[in-house]
């Protein structure tokens, strides 16, 4: 499965718990907040000024292991 920027943050973390560390490493410490339930990765990254391409690349590397 390939992670894309339009996927739900909480969906990704639930399916792939190892991605939580990647989100935190990129400065997205909001995994427990209400917004994580309805925001997609791109929306969350944009809200925090995070490079979504780098984040997606790191998430996909984490799930490929």
PDB file of N, CA and C in Angstrom:
ATOM      1  N   UNK A   1       0.841  -1.189   0.000  1.00  0.00           N
ATOM      2  CA  UNK A   1       0.000   0.000   0.000  1.00  0.00           C
ATOM      3  C   UNK A   1       0.880   1.245   0.000  1.00  0.00           C
ATOM      4  N   UNK A   2       0.540   2.170  -0.836  1.00  0.00           N
ATOM      5  CA  UNK A   2       1.257   3.443  -0.947  1.00  0.00           C
ATOM      6  C   UNK A   2       0.475   4.509  -0.178  1.00  0.00           C
ATOM      7  N   UNK A   3       1.141   5.218   0.708  1.00  0.00           N
ATOM      8  CA  UNK A   3       0.520   6.323   1.437  1.00  0.00           C
ATOM      9  C   UNK A   3       0.541   7.553   0.536  1.00  0.00           C
ATOM     10  N   UNK A   4      -0.598   8.247   0.476  1.00  0.00           N
ATOM     11  CA  UNK A   4      -0.708   9.460  -0.327  1.00  0.00           C
ATOM     12  C   UNK A   4      -1.171  10.618   0.558  1.00  0.00           C
ATOM     13  N   UNK A   5      -0.969  11.826   0.072  1.00  0.00           N
ATOM     14  CA  UNK A   5      -1.264  13.025   0.863  1.00  0.00           C
ATOM     15  C   UNK A   5      -2.748  13.220   1.153  1.00  0.00           C
ATOM     16  N   UNK A   6      -3.623  12.533   0.417  1.00  0.00           N
ATOM     17  CA  UNK A   6      -5.053  12.706   0.639  1.00  0.00           C
ATOM     18  C   UNK A   6      -5.635  11.703   1.639  1.00  0.00           C
ATOM     19  N   UNK A   7      -4.786  10.875   2.218  1.00  0.00           N
ATOM     20  CA  UNK A   7      -5.250   9.893   3.204  1.00  0.00           C
ATOM     21  C   UNK A   7      -5.375  10.535   4.583  1.00  0.00           C
ATOM     22  N   UNK A   8      -6.278   9.987   5.374  1.00  0.00           N
ATOM     23  CA  UNK A   8      -6.524  10.469   6.726  1.00  0.00           C
ATOM     24  C   UNK A   8      -5.335  10.164   7.634  1.00  0.00           C
ATOM     25  N   UNK A   9      -4.956  11.138   8.438  1.00  0.00           N
ATOM     26  CA  UNK A   9      -3.850  10.971   9.380  1.00  0.00           C
ATOM     27  C   UNK A   9      -4.132   9.809  10.327  1.00  0.00           C
ATOM     28  N   UNK A  10      -5.305   9.803  10.927  1.00  0.00           N
ATOM     29  CA  UNK A  10      -5.632   8.781  11.924  1.00  0.00           C
ATOM     30  C   UNK A  10      -5.725   7.401  11.277  1.00  0.00           C
ATOM     31  N   UNK A  11      -6.214   7.332  10.048  1.00  0.00           N
ATOM     32  CA  UNK A  11      -6.299   6.056   9.325  1.00  0.00           C
ATOM     33  C   UNK A  11      -4.904   5.455   9.142  1.00  0.00           C
ATOM     34  N   UNK A  12      -3.949   6.291   8.769  1.00  0.00           N
ATOM     35  CA  UNK A  12      -2.583   5.825   8.550  1.00  0.00           C
ATOM     36  C   UNK A  12      -1.970   5.325   9.864  1.00  0.00           C
ATOM     37  N   UNK A  13      -2.125   6.086  10.927  1.00  0.00           N
ATOM     38  CA  UNK A  13      -1.537   5.699  12.213  1.00  0.00           C
ATOM     39  C   UNK A  13      -2.184   4.423  12.750  1.00  0.00           C
ATOM     40  N   UNK A  14      -3.491   4.256  12.528  1.00  0.00           N
ATOM     41  CA  UNK A  14      -4.160   3.044  12.993  1.00  0.00           C
ATOM     42  C   UNK A  14      -3.696   1.821  12.213  1.00  0.00           C
ATOM     43  N   UNK A  15      -3.546   1.953  10.904  1.00  0.00           N
ATOM     44  CA  UNK A  15      -3.117   0.829  10.073  1.00  0.00           C
ATOM     45  C   UNK A  15      -1.629   0.540  10.213  1.00  0.00           C
ATOM     46  N   UNK A  16      -0.849   1.600  10.408  1.00  0.00           N
ATOM     47  CA  UNK A  16       0.606   1.484  10.473  1.00  0.00           C
ATOM     48  C   UNK A  16       1.132   2.235  11.692  1.00  0.00           C
ATOM     49  N   UNK A  17       1.069   1.635  12.878  1.00  0.00           N
ATOM     50  CA  UNK A  17       1.482   2.330  14.109  1.00  0.00           C
ATOM     51  C   UNK A  17       2.909   2.877  14.063  1.00  0.00           C
ATOM     52  N   UNK A  18       3.778   2.259  13.275  1.00  0.00           N
ATOM     53  CA  UNK A  18       5.158   2.721  13.180  1.00  0.00           C
ATOM     54  C   UNK A  18       5.259   4.120  12.554  1.00  0.00           C
ATOM     55  N   UNK A  19       4.188   4.596  11.919  1.00  0.00           N
ATOM     56  CA  UNK A  19       4.224   5.925  11.303  1.00  0.00           C
ATOM     57  C   UNK A  19       4.087   7.048  12.329  1.00  0.00           C
ATOM     58  N   UNK A  20       3.627   6.737  13.526  1.00  0.00           N
ATOM     59  CA  UNK A  20       3.462   7.781  14.553  1.00  0.00           C
ATOM     60  C   UNK A  20       4.778   8.505  14.789  1.00  0.00           C
ATOM     61  N   UNK A  21       5.875   7.761  14.861  1.00  0.00           N
ATOM     62  CA  UNK A  21       7.183   8.380  15.073  1.00  0.00           C
ATOM     63  C   UNK A  21       7.573   9.292  13.916  1.00  0.00           C
ATOM     64  N   UNK A  22       7.181   8.935  12.706  1.00  0.00           N
ATOM     65  CA  UNK A  22       7.499   9.752  11.528  1.00  0.00           C
ATOM     66  C   UNK A  22       6.742  11.069  11.600  1.00  0.00           C
ATOM     67  N   UNK A  23       5.457  11.012  11.940  1.00  0.00           N
ATOM     68  CA  UNK A  23       4.683  12.250  12.084  1.00  0.00           C
ATOM     69  C   UNK A  23       5.320  13.147  13.150  1.00  0.00           C
ATOM     70  N   UNK A  24       5.704  12.570  14.278  1.00  0.00           N
ATOM     71  CA  UNK A  24       6.324  13.345  15.359  1.00  0.00           C
ATOM     72  C   UNK A  24       7.657  13.938  14.918  1.00  0.00           C
ATOM     73  N   UNK A  25       8.458  13.156  14.209  1.00  0.00           N
ATOM     74  CA  UNK A  25       9.764  13.623  13.725  1.00  0.00           C
ATOM     75  C   UNK A  25       9.613  14.847  12.817  1.00  0.00           C
ATOM     76  N   UNK A  26       8.534  14.884  12.073  1.00  0.00           N
ATOM     77  CA  UNK A  26       8.292  15.997  11.149  1.00  0.00           C
ATOM     78  C   UNK A  26       7.576  17.167  11.817  1.00  0.00           C
ATOM     79  N   UNK A  27       7.285  17.057  13.108  1.00  0.00           N
ATOM     80  CA  UNK A  27       6.675  18.180  13.827  1.00  0.00           C
ATOM     81  C   UNK A  27       5.166  18.127  13.920  1.00  0.00           C
ATOM     82  N   UNK A  28       4.593  16.973  13.604  1.00  0.00           N
ATOM     83  CA  UNK A  28       3.140  16.821  13.726  1.00  0.00           C
ATOM     84  C   UNK A  28       2.841  16.027  14.994  1.00  0.00           C
ATOM     85  N   UNK A  29       2.800  16.739  16.110  1.00  0.00           N
ATOM     86  CA  UNK A  29       2.534  16.110  17.392  1.00  0.00           C
ATOM     87  C   UNK A  29       1.063  16.062  17.724  1.00  0.00           C
ATOM     88  N   UNK A  30       0.229  16.266  16.737  1.00  0.00           N
ATOM     89  CA  UNK A  30      -1.215  16.390  16.970  1.00  0.00           C
ATOM     90  C   UNK A  30      -1.964  15.089  16.719  1.00  0.00           C
ATOM     91  N   UNK A  31      -1.300  13.964  16.820  1.00  0.00           N
ATOM     92  CA  UNK A  31      -1.952  12.695  16.498  1.00  0.00           C
ATOM     93  C   UNK A  31      -3.153  12.401  17.382  1.00  0.00           C
ATOM     94  N   UNK A  32      -3.156  12.926  18.576  1.00  0.00           N
ATOM     95  CA  UNK A  32      -4.281  12.696  19.474  1.00  0.00           C
ATOM     96  C   UNK A  32      -5.347  13.778  19.417  1.00  0.00           C
ATOM     97  N   UNK A  33      -5.128  14.812  18.633  1.00  0.00           N
ATOM     98  CA  UNK A  33      -6.100  15.910  18.598  1.00  0.00           C
ATOM     99  C   UNK A  33      -7.273  15.578  17.679  1.00  0.00           C
ATOM    100  N   UNK A  34      -8.348  16.293  17.849  1.00  0.00           N
ATOM    101  CA  UNK A  34      -9.565  16.042  17.077  1.00  0.00           C
ATOM    102  C   UNK A  34      -9.337  16.247  15.578  1.00  0.00           C
ATOM    103  N   UNK A  35      -8.496  17.190  15.195  1.00  0.00           N
ATOM    104  CA  UNK A  35      -8.265  17.471  13.777  1.00  0.00           C
ATOM    105  C   UNK A  35      -7.670  16.264  13.056  1.00  0.00           C
ATOM    106  N   UNK A  36      -6.888  15.461  13.748  1.00  0.00           N
ATOM    107  CA  UNK A  36      -6.267  14.287  13.127  1.00  0.00           C
ATOM    108  C   UNK A  36      -7.319  13.283  12.656  1.00  0.00           C
ATOM    109  N   UNK A  37      -8.496  13.357  13.226  1.00  0.00           N
ATOM    110  CA  UNK A  37      -9.563  12.423  12.843  1.00  0.00           C
ATOM    111  C   UNK A  37     -10.189  12.785  11.496  1.00  0.00           C
ATOM    112  N   UNK A  38     -10.160  14.046  11.118  1.00  0.00           N
ATOM    113  CA  UNK A  38     -10.806  14.415   9.860  1.00  0.00           C
ATOM    114  C   UNK A  38      -9.871  15.062   8.845  1.00  0.00           C
ATOM    115  N   UNK A  39      -8.690  15.466   9.254  1.00  0.00           N
ATOM    116  CA  UNK A  39      -7.744  16.067   8.310  1.00  0.00           C
ATOM    117  C   UNK A  39      -6.983  14.987   7.561  1.00  0.00           C
ATOM    118  N   UNK A  40      -6.681  15.296   6.284  1.00  0.00           N
ATOM    119  CA  UNK A  40      -5.788  14.391   5.568  1.00  0.00           C
ATOM    120  C   UNK A  40      -4.353  14.846   5.828  1.00  0.00           C
ATOM    121  N   UNK A  41      -3.409  14.067   5.336  1.00  0.00           N
ATOM    122  CA  UNK A  41      -2.003  14.359   5.611  1.00  0.00           C
ATOM    123  C   UNK A  41      -1.600  15.717   5.066  1.00  0.00           C
ATOM    124  N   UNK A  42      -2.049  16.041   3.873  1.00  0.00           N
ATOM    125  CA  UNK A  42      -1.687  17.328   3.272  1.00  0.00           C
ATOM    126  C   UNK A  42      -2.217  18.499   4.099  1.00  0.00           C
ATOM    127  N   UNK A  43      -3.444  18.407   4.560  1.00  0.00           N
ATOM    128  CA  UNK A  43      -4.026  19.483   5.367  1.00  0.00           C
ATOM    129  C   UNK A  43      -3.269  19.655   6.681  1.00  0.00           C
ATOM    130  N   UNK A  44      -2.958  18.554   7.327  1.00  0.00           N
ATOM    131  CA  UNK A  44      -2.217  18.616   8.587  1.00  0.00           C
ATOM    132  C   UNK A  44      -0.823  19.175   8.395  1.00  0.00           C
ATOM    133  N   UNK A  45      -0.149  18.722   7.348  1.00  0.00           N
ATOM    134  CA  UNK A  45       1.205  19.214   7.064  1.00  0.00           C
ATOM    135  C   UNK A  45       1.182  20.706   6.753  1.00  0.00           C
ATOM    136  N   UNK A  46       0.221  21.132   5.956  1.00  0.00           N
ATOM    137  CA  UNK A  46       0.115  22.556   5.608  1.00  0.00           C
ATOM    138  C   UNK A  46      -0.139  23.412   6.835  1.00  0.00           C
ATOM    139  N   UNK A  47      -0.982  22.923   7.739  1.00  0.00           N
ATOM    140  CA  UNK A  47      -1.306  23.677   8.955  1.00  0.00           C
ATOM    141  C   UNK A  47      -0.078  23.869   9.838  1.00  0.00           C
ATOM    142  N   UNK A  48       0.883  22.955   9.728  1.00  0.00           N
ATOM    143  CA  UNK A  48       2.086  23.014  10.564  1.00  0.00           C
ATOM    144  C   UNK A  48       3.318  23.476   9.792  1.00  0.00           C
ATOM    145  N   UNK A  49       3.144  23.873   8.527  1.00  0.00           N
ATOM    146  CA  UNK A  49       4.275  24.343   7.734  1.00  0.00           C
ATOM    147  C   UNK A  49       5.280  23.257   7.409  1.00  0.00           C
ATOM    148  N   UNK A  50       4.791  22.038   7.216  1.00  0.00           N
ATOM    149  CA  UNK A  50       5.654  20.881   6.987  1.00  0.00           C
ATOM    150  C   UNK A  50       5.679  20.538   5.500  1.00  0.00           C
ATOM    151  N   UNK A  51       6.835  20.150   5.014  1.00  0.00           N
ATOM    152  CA  UNK A  51       7.000  19.712   3.622  1.00  0.00           C
ATOM    153  C   UNK A  51       6.278  18.382   3.443  1.00  0.00           C
ATOM    154  N   UNK A  52       5.125  18.407   2.784  1.00  0.00           N
ATOM    155  CA  UNK A  52       4.300  17.210   2.646  1.00  0.00           C
ATOM    156  C   UNK A  52       4.988  16.130   1.809  1.00  0.00           C
ATOM    157  N   UNK A  53       5.774  16.519   0.828  1.00  0.00           N
ATOM    158  CA  UNK A  53       6.467  15.529  -0.006  1.00  0.00           C
ATOM    159  C   UNK A  53       7.480  14.744   0.812  1.00  0.00           C
ATOM    160  N   UNK A  54       8.258  15.436   1.625  1.00  0.00           N
ATOM    161  CA  UNK A  54       9.239  14.766   2.488  1.00  0.00           C
ATOM    162  C   UNK A  54       8.534  13.864   3.501  1.00  0.00           C
ATOM    163  N   UNK A  55       7.436  14.339   4.053  1.00  0.00           N
ATOM    164  CA  UNK A  55       6.673  13.559   5.022  1.00  0.00           C
ATOM    165  C   UNK A  55       6.147  12.278   4.381  1.00  0.00           C
ATOM    166  N   UNK A  56       5.531  12.395   3.211  1.00  0.00           N
ATOM    167  CA  UNK A  56       4.991  11.226   2.502  1.00  0.00           C
ATOM    168  C   UNK A  56       6.103  10.233   2.189  1.00  0.00           C
ATOM    169  N   UNK A  57       7.241  10.730   1.728  1.00  0.00           N
ATOM    170  CA  UNK A  57       8.365   9.844   1.422  1.00  0.00           C
ATOM    171  C   UNK A  57       8.797   9.063   2.658  1.00  0.00           C
ATOM    172  N   UNK A  58       8.918   9.744   3.795  1.00  0.00           N
ATOM    173  CA  UNK A  58       9.339   9.082   5.026  1.00  0.00           C
ATOM    174  C   UNK A  58       8.272   8.096   5.533  1.00  0.00           C
ATOM    175  N   UNK A  59       7.010   8.452   5.380  1.00  0.00           N
ATOM    176  CA  UNK A  59       5.938   7.540   5.789  1.00  0.00           C
ATOM    177  C   UNK A  59       5.978   6.260   4.962  1.00  0.00           C
ATOM    178  N   UNK A  60       6.158   6.407   3.661  1.00  0.00           N
ATOM    179  CA  UNK A  60       6.202   5.240   2.796  1.00  0.00           C
ATOM    180  C   UNK A  60       7.427   4.371   3.061  1.00  0.00           C
ATOM    181  N   UNK A  61       8.543   4.992   3.408  1.00  0.00           N
ATOM    182  CA  UNK A  61       9.740   4.209   3.784  1.00  0.00           C
ATOM    183  C   UNK A  61       9.464   3.407   5.052  1.00  0.00           C
ATOM    184  N   UNK A  62       8.754   4.015   5.998  1.00  0.00           N
ATOM    185  CA  UNK A  62       8.453   3.344   7.269  1.00  0.00           C
ATOM    186  C   UNK A  62       7.548   2.128   7.073  1.00  0.00           C
ATOM    187  N   UNK A  63       6.576   2.242   6.196  1.00  0.00           N
ATOM    188  CA  UNK A  63       5.653   1.109   5.999  1.00  0.00           C
ATOM    189  C   UNK A  63       6.243   0.041   5.085  1.00  0.00           C
ATOM    190  N   UNK A  64       7.276   0.385   4.324  1.00  0.00           N
ATOM    191  CA  UNK A  64       7.916  -0.571   3.427  1.00  0.00           C
ATOM    192  C   UNK A  64       8.846  -1.529   4.165  1.00  0.00           C
ATOM    193  N   UNK A  65       9.244  -1.149   5.373  1.00  0.00           N
ATOM    194  CA  UNK A  65      10.186  -1.978   6.156  1.00  0.00           C
ATOM    195  C   UNK A  65       9.534  -3.238   6.671  1.00  0.00           C
TER     196      UNK A  65
END
